[in-house]
Amino acid sequence: MAYPLSEVYITQSFGGNASLYAQWGLAGHHGVDLRAYYKRFSSPYNGVVTVTAENGYRDPLTGKFASGKIVVVRSATYDWWFLHLSQIDVKVGQKVVAGERLGITGNTGASLGAHLHMGCRPIKNPNMSNGYRGFINPITVIKNNTGTSQPPVIVTPPKGDNDMADAADVKAIYELGPLERTADSAGVKNYTGRKTDLILKEHAGSAEYKRKVAAEARAEKAQVSMIINLKDTVAGLGKRPTIEQYEQAMTDLKTTGAELNEAQIALEEARNIPAVEVEVEVIKEVEPAWTKLVPSWLINAIKSIFKKEK
């Protein structure tokens, strides 16, 4: 058994802020919040992944909805909940061992800043009337089941301190931060050991980020212009586009990198169904019974001639 992070700084304790959580019918915070600015986190126990939710998950025991990206791991005795994630690296049904990576912490759902919410609830007979929806203090559970080799638990982060990024943290900041790209070796070397908030500020103010924003703005403007022109073209046809016009429009969409969104919808609405399908349906409607006595290759040849003449 192990803590999910290499450094354990509790920013909100189990049972804390009772007056705040009273509005949700809780006696206090029903988990612990750990300081973790887009950091890798791992499973505290051997177990099986039972939940991976990209857009929230409704607790089957309480009916309450938890928002954001969520992972739940079931060990032999507990369900371990991890909330507000930015990335999920496991799948439902996957077996994991203590210390195995589950994902990256984040700021999704009902969260005011990147951190890791960890909840722990007994599988067998949880006390659903304990004021915490059956959850218990996960730190107590881990402390009672781990050796002295585990990192110390610090309840209040040192004043003015901030997370120092290791190489994996730097890579996560590159991928999930303003630049949204894979980190190069020089960047990893340059930023390892520096404070995460300073890395993010530097990335947000960099020339690379400004070029990225400008390029995205140009691409968006081009896409909007293309959609407008395409809609005008469709409107000018006065009827369904031909197969060639339809295929060319789809090619234009893919070439410009646009998603098949408004322009595709406009085309589909104008076309209803592809002309080839219409032609085949018409042929089927007029096919006389004698065609069943004619070889299929001859029927296909007749159909192809029919199409050309049209």
Foldseek 3Di string as FASTA:
>chain_A
DAFFDQAWEWPAFAQPPQVVCVVVQFSGAQFTKGAFAFAWTWDQAWFFKADWDAAWDQDPLPRDIFGHTKIWTDDPWKIKIKHQAPFADDDGGDTDGHPHTGHTFHHTTPGDTTIITIWIATPPDQPCPPRNRSTDYVVVVSVVPDDPVYHDHHHHPPPPDADFAALVSQQSCCCPALNNDGDDPVSSVVRHRHGPVVVRVCVCPDPNSVVVVVVVVVLVVVVVVLLVVLLVVLVVVVAQDAPVVLVVNVVVCVVSVHDCPNSVVSNCVRHVDHPVVVLVVVCVVPDDPCVVVPDPVVVVVVSVVVVVVD
